[in-house]
Amino acid sequence: MQCTRICAYITLVIHMSDAYRSQRNCVHMRRCAVVSYFCVCAYTDAMPVIAVLNQKGGSGKTTLATNLAQAAHMSGKRTLLVDTDRQASARQWAAARIDGQGDPVPVVGLDVGPLERSVQQLSRDYQWLLLDGAPNVEALAAAAVKVADVVLIPVQPSPYDIWAAQEVVEMVKIRQQLTEAPRAAFVIARAIVGTQLAADVQEALGGYGLPIFASRTYQRVLYANAAASGLSVLEADSSSAAADEIKAILSELEGFCP
């Protein structure tokens, strides 16, 4: 993704009433700050940057990011997993792997400094970059939305996850108004087999106006067991239902990328 840098920083002046100005935590002020942070860029390379984001911890974000990155790597794509979470969950996952075991996807940490510049430099050597986003850090989430071509928002079948997705959706839509990017979609994660919850969540997410992947992950012990060994579910058991889920999401993601 070598940027030809038709890149003009845009600061939008948004009219706010005196009442909003006096409220430091007002969502309108946060939205104004996010808008002023985004820039318009044109990239000539087809290499996608895929950010997996949700402001709520425990949403299945890192599980999805690590498994998709490893699956893409195993499919022959030159893939890099970028850990932007200061908790370093993806890096801990990579470190848990026994030395010399399999062919792991490379993982780097970028939780400080200008994310856009670092992504541009890293992207020269890879076909796919997957960003494991940070929860509860709005500045890092905004930076990830800024550099992403695709944003995946994992959501568990829980009202808390649905409510927490709102801030990421707002960031995505603000940038889309400026640049028509990134493409964004929900992925239902940790659904429970044999329940109606996932269908109810899918109906509730429809109000956000973003597509929802048909593929999803389910609550399975293999995800946790594989992660504890620094592996993806495809490596732990390639014939498992969990492996099929990740392969289906990867296939859908390939068709979704611009």
Protein backbone atom coordinates (compact mmCIF):
# COMPACT_ATOMS: atom_id res chain seq x y z
CA MET A 1 0.00 0.00 0.00
CA GLN A 2 2.44 2.64 -1.15
CA CYS A 3 0.46 5.80 -0.81
CA THR A 4 0.65 8.19 -3.72
CA ARG A 5 -0.44 10.56 -1.05
CA ILE A 6 -3.13 12.54 -2.66
CA CYS A 7 -3.38 13.14 1.04
CA ALA A 8 -4.83 16.36 2.29
CA TYR A 9 -5.56 16.71 5.95
CA ILE A 10 -9.07 17.98 6.36
CA THR A 11 -10.36 19.76 9.38
CA LEU A 12 -14.08 20.13 9.38
CA VAL A 13 -15.47 22.92 11.46
CA ILE A 14 -18.57 21.57 13.05
CA HIS A 15 -20.95 24.08 14.58
CA MET A 16 -21.58 23.28 18.22
CA SER A 17 -23.77 25.16 20.64
CA ASP A 18 -22.34 26.77 23.76
CA ALA A 19 -23.94 23.99 25.76
CA TYR A 20 -21.98 21.36 23.85
CA ARG A 21 -18.75 23.35 24.15
CA SER A 22 -19.05 23.27 27.92
CA GLN A 23 -19.34 19.49 28.05
CA ARG A 24 -15.88 17.97 27.72
CA ASN A 25 -17.20 14.45 27.31
CA CYS A 26 -19.93 15.30 24.83
CA VAL A 27 -20.19 12.80 21.98
CA HIS A 28 -20.42 15.71 19.52
CA MET A 29 -17.02 16.98 20.66
CA ARG A 30 -15.50 13.52 20.34
CA ARG A 31 -17.01 13.20 16.87
CA CYS A 32 -15.55 16.57 15.88
CA ALA A 33 -12.11 15.49 17.07
CA VAL A 34 -12.32 12.25 15.10
CA VAL A 35 -13.36 14.05 11.92
CA SER A 36 -10.45 16.46 12.17
CA TYR A 37 -8.09 13.50 12.54
CA PHE A 38 -9.06 11.69 9.35
CA CYS A 39 -7.40 12.46 6.05
CA VAL A 40 -8.19 11.69 2.43
CA CYS A 41 -5.73 9.28 0.88
CA ALA A 42 -5.48 7.53 -2.46
CA TYR A 43 -3.53 4.27 -2.59
CA THR A 44 -2.33 2.63 -5.74
CA ASP A 45 -1.63 -0.86 -4.41
CA ALA A 46 -4.39 -3.43 -4.03
CA MET A 47 -3.02 -4.71 -0.70
CA PRO A 48 -5.82 -4.44 1.86
CA VAL A 49 -5.42 -3.28 5.44
CA ILE A 50 -8.02 -5.05 7.54
CA ALA A 51 -8.76 -3.76 11.03
CA VAL A 52 -10.60 -5.93 13.55
CA LEU A 53 -12.18 -3.48 15.98
CA ASN A 54 -14.56 -3.35 18.88
CA GLN A 55 -14.36 -0.92 21.79
CA LYS A 56 -15.60 -3.59 24.18
CA GLY A 57 -13.09 -6.00 25.67
CA GLY A 58 -13.88 -9.70 25.43
CA SER A 59 -15.70 -9.40 22.13
CA GLY A 60 -13.64 -12.11 20.43
CA LYS A 61 -11.62 -9.50 18.54
CA THR A 62 -8.14 -10.98 19.09
CA THR A 63 -9.39 -14.53 18.55
CA LEU A 64 -10.79 -13.50 15.18
CA ALA A 65 -7.73 -11.44 14.20
CA THR A 66 -5.15 -14.11 15.08
CA ASN A 67 -7.05 -16.94 13.42
CA LEU A 68 -7.78 -14.96 10.25
CA ALA A 69 -4.17 -13.78 10.00
CA GLN A 70 -2.82 -17.32 10.37
CA ALA A 71 -5.39 -18.67 7.91
CA ALA A 72 -4.47 -16.02 5.33
CA HIS A 73 -0.78 -16.78 5.87
CA MET A 74 -1.38 -20.51 5.42
CA SER A 75 -3.34 -19.84 2.22
CA GLY A 76 -0.21 -18.36 0.64
CA LYS A 77 -0.80 -14.65 1.20
CA ARG A 78 2.15 -12.67 2.57
CA THR A 79 0.37 -11.62 5.75
CA LEU A 80 1.38 -9.53 8.75
CA LEU A 81 -0.58 -9.32 11.99
CA VAL A 82 -0.23 -5.91 13.64
CA ASP A 83 -1.05 -5.77 17.35
CA THR A 84 -2.21 -2.25 18.26
CA ASP A 85 -3.52 -3.29 21.67
CA ARG A 86 -1.36 -2.21 24.61
CA GLN A 87 -2.39 -5.39 26.39
CA ALA A 88 -0.35 -7.16 23.67
CA SER A 89 -2.73 -10.12 23.44
CA ALA A 90 -1.76 -11.02 19.86
CA ARG A 91 1.93 -10.78 20.74
CA GLN A 92 1.41 -13.02 23.76
CA TRP A 93 -0.40 -15.48 21.49
CA ALA A 94 2.59 -15.53 19.13
CA ALA A 95 5.05 -15.92 22.02
CA ALA A 96 3.17 -18.97 23.36
CA ARG A 97 4.06 -21.00 20.28
CA ILE A 98 6.83 -23.57 20.69
CA ASP A 99 9.91 -22.52 18.72
CA GLY A 100 10.03 -24.21 15.33
CA GLN A 101 6.40 -25.33 15.45
CA GLY A 102 4.69 -24.86 12.10
CA ASP A 103 4.90 -21.72 9.99
CA PRO A 104 3.58 -18.85 12.11
CA VAL A 105 2.27 -15.60 10.70
CA PRO A 106 4.61 -12.74 11.66
CA VAL A 107 3.32 -10.46 14.42
CA VAL A 108 4.49 -6.95 15.30
CA GLY A 109 3.34 -4.46 17.92
CA LEU A 110 2.33 -0.90 17.05
CA ASP A 111 0.57 0.49 20.11
CA VAL A 112 2.46 3.79 20.22
CA GLY A 113 3.47 6.36 17.62
CA PRO A 114 1.86 7.29 14.29
CA LEU A 115 0.06 4.19 13.05
CA GLU A 116 -0.45 5.44 9.50
CA ARG A 117 3.25 5.98 8.78
CA SER A 118 4.20 2.61 10.28
CA VAL A 119 1.52 0.78 8.29
CA GLN A 120 2.74 2.39 5.05
CA GLN A 121 6.28 1.20 5.73
CA LEU A 122 5.27 -2.32 6.75
CA SER A 123 2.89 -2.78 3.84
CA ARG A 124 5.68 -2.75 1.27
CA ASP A 125 6.58 -6.35 2.09
CA TYR A 126 3.13 -7.88 2.57
CA GLN A 127 -0.06 -8.58 0.65
CA TRP A 128 -2.37 -8.44 3.67
CA LEU A 129 -2.12 -6.48 6.92
CA LEU A 130 -4.49 -7.40 9.73
CA LEU A 131 -4.74 -4.98 12.64
CA ASP A 132 -5.84 -6.30 16.02
CA GLY A 133 -7.43 -3.14 17.41
CA ALA A 134 -7.31 -1.88 20.97
CA PRO A 135 -10.48 -1.82 23.10
CA ASN A 136 -11.43 1.25 25.11
CA VAL A 137 -8.83 3.53 23.48
CA GLU A 138 -10.64 5.87 21.11
CA ALA A 139 -7.49 7.44 19.64
CA LEU A 140 -6.05 4.07 18.62
CA ALA A 141 -9.39 2.94 17.21
CA ALA A 142 -9.66 6.14 15.17
CA ALA A 143 -6.12 5.62 13.86
CA ALA A 144 -7.00 2.06 12.82
CA VAL A 145 -10.15 3.22 11.01
CA LYS A 146 -8.08 5.88 9.27
CA VAL A 147 -5.61 3.42 7.71
CA ALA A 148 -8.03 0.55 7.08
CA ASP A 149 -9.52 -0.54 3.79
CA VAL A 150 -11.83 -2.95 5.63
CA VAL A 151 -13.10 -2.88 9.21
CA LEU A 152 -14.49 -6.05 10.76
CA ILE A 153 -16.50 -5.56 13.95
CA PRO A 154 -16.90 -8.78 15.93
CA VAL A 155 -20.01 -8.78 18.08
CA GLN A 156 -21.07 -11.43 20.55
CA PRO A 157 -24.77 -12.27 20.95
CA SER A 158 -25.14 -9.82 23.82
CA PRO A 159 -26.83 -6.42 24.13
CA TYR A 160 -23.64 -5.04 25.68
CA ASP A 161 -21.67 -5.84 22.54
CA ILE A 162 -24.33 -4.28 20.35
CA TRP A 163 -24.28 -1.06 22.37
CA ALA A 164 -20.47 -0.99 22.44
CA ALA A 165 -20.28 -1.23 18.64
CA GLN A 166 -21.86 2.20 18.24
CA GLU A 167 -18.65 4.23 18.64
CA VAL A 168 -16.74 2.18 16.05
CA VAL A 169 -19.66 2.43 13.64
CA GLU A 170 -19.74 6.22 14.08
CA MET A 171 -15.99 6.47 13.36
CA VAL A 172 -16.39 4.33 10.25
CA LYS A 173 -19.31 6.36 8.92
CA ILE A 174 -17.54 9.67 9.50
CA ARG A 175 -14.58 8.50 7.46
CA GLN A 176 -16.85 7.05 4.78
CA GLN A 177 -18.41 10.50 4.35
CA LEU A 178 -14.95 11.89 3.60
CA THR A 179 -13.31 9.12 1.58
CA GLU A 180 -15.94 6.42 0.83
CA ALA A 181 -13.69 4.04 2.77
CA PRO A 182 -13.33 1.78 4.66
CA ARG A 183 -15.75 -0.98 3.86
CA ALA A 184 -17.09 -2.32 7.14
CA ALA A 185 -19.09 -5.30 8.31
CA PHE A 186 -20.13 -7.07 11.48
CA VAL A 187 -19.01 -10.62 12.28
CA ILE A 188 -21.06 -12.47 14.88
CA ALA A 189 -18.61 -14.13 17.27
CA ARG A 190 -19.00 -16.79 19.92
CA ALA A 191 -22.55 -17.63 18.99
CA ILE A 192 -24.07 -20.46 20.98
CA VAL A 193 -25.11 -23.48 18.96
CA GLY A 194 -28.82 -24.28 19.11
CA THR A 195 -30.00 -20.89 20.37
CA GLN A 196 -31.91 -18.00 18.84
CA LEU A 197 -29.49 -15.39 20.24
CA ALA A 198 -27.38 -14.99 17.10
CA ALA A 199 -30.48 -14.38 14.97
CA ASP A 200 -31.73 -11.81 17.49
CA VAL A 201 -28.35 -10.03 17.42
CA GLN A 202 -28.35 -10.02 13.64
CA GLU A 203 -31.74 -8.33 13.65
CA ALA A 204 -30.58 -5.75 16.21
CA LEU A 205 -27.40 -4.95 14.26
CA GLY A 206 -29.47 -4.16 11.18
CA GLY A 207 -30.17 -0.75 12.67
CA TYR A 208 -26.54 0.30 12.22
CA GLY A 209 -26.77 0.10 8.44
CA LEU A 210 -23.68 -2.09 7.93
CA PRO A 211 -23.61 -5.54 6.33
CA ILE A 212 -23.30 -8.65 8.47
CA PHE A 213 -21.14 -11.56 7.38
CA ALA A 214 -23.07 -14.76 6.82
CA SER A 215 -20.13 -16.67 8.32
CA ARG A 216 -19.59 -16.57 12.08
CA THR A 217 -17.76 -18.22 14.94
CA TYR A 218 -19.37 -20.30 17.67
CA GLN A 219 -18.47 -20.85 21.30
CA ARG A 220 -15.98 -23.72 21.09
CA VAL A 221 -13.29 -24.91 23.51
CA LEU A 222 -10.84 -25.37 20.64
CA TYR A 223 -10.44 -21.59 20.21
CA ALA A 224 -9.14 -21.23 23.78
CA ASN A 225 -7.04 -24.39 23.67
CA ALA A 226 -5.37 -23.40 20.41
CA ALA A 227 -4.69 -19.86 21.64
CA ALA A 228 -3.02 -21.18 24.80
CA SER A 229 -0.46 -22.94 22.56
CA GLY A 230 0.00 -19.95 20.24
CA LEU A 231 -1.79 -21.76 17.42
CA SER A 232 -4.77 -21.11 15.20
CA VAL A 233 -7.66 -23.56 15.17
CA LEU A 234 -6.60 -24.58 11.64
CA GLU A 235 -3.28 -25.77 13.02
CA ALA A 236 -4.73 -27.33 16.17
CA ASP A 237 -7.34 -29.36 14.27
CA SER A 238 -7.76 -28.65 10.56
CA SER A 239 -10.86 -30.86 10.33
CA SER A 240 -12.71 -29.19 13.21
CA ALA A 241 -15.88 -27.12 13.03
CA ALA A 242 -13.88 -24.14 14.33
CA ALA A 243 -11.41 -24.44 11.45
CA ASP A 244 -14.33 -24.53 9.00
CA GLU A 245 -15.72 -21.34 10.57
CA ILE A 246 -12.44 -19.46 10.13
CA LYS A 247 -12.03 -20.67 6.56
CA ALA A 248 -15.57 -19.54 5.75
CA ILE A 249 -14.98 -16.07 7.24
CA LEU A 250 -11.68 -15.77 5.35
CA SER A 251 -13.40 -16.70 2.09
CA GLU A 252 -16.13 -14.13 2.72
CA LEU A 253 -13.52 -11.52 3.65
CA GLU A 254 -11.60 -12.11 0.40
CA GLY A 255 -14.76 -11.34 -1.55
CA PHE A 256 -15.50 -8.31 0.62
CA CYS A 257 -12.11 -6.62 0.26
CA PRO A 258 -12.04 -3.79 -2.30
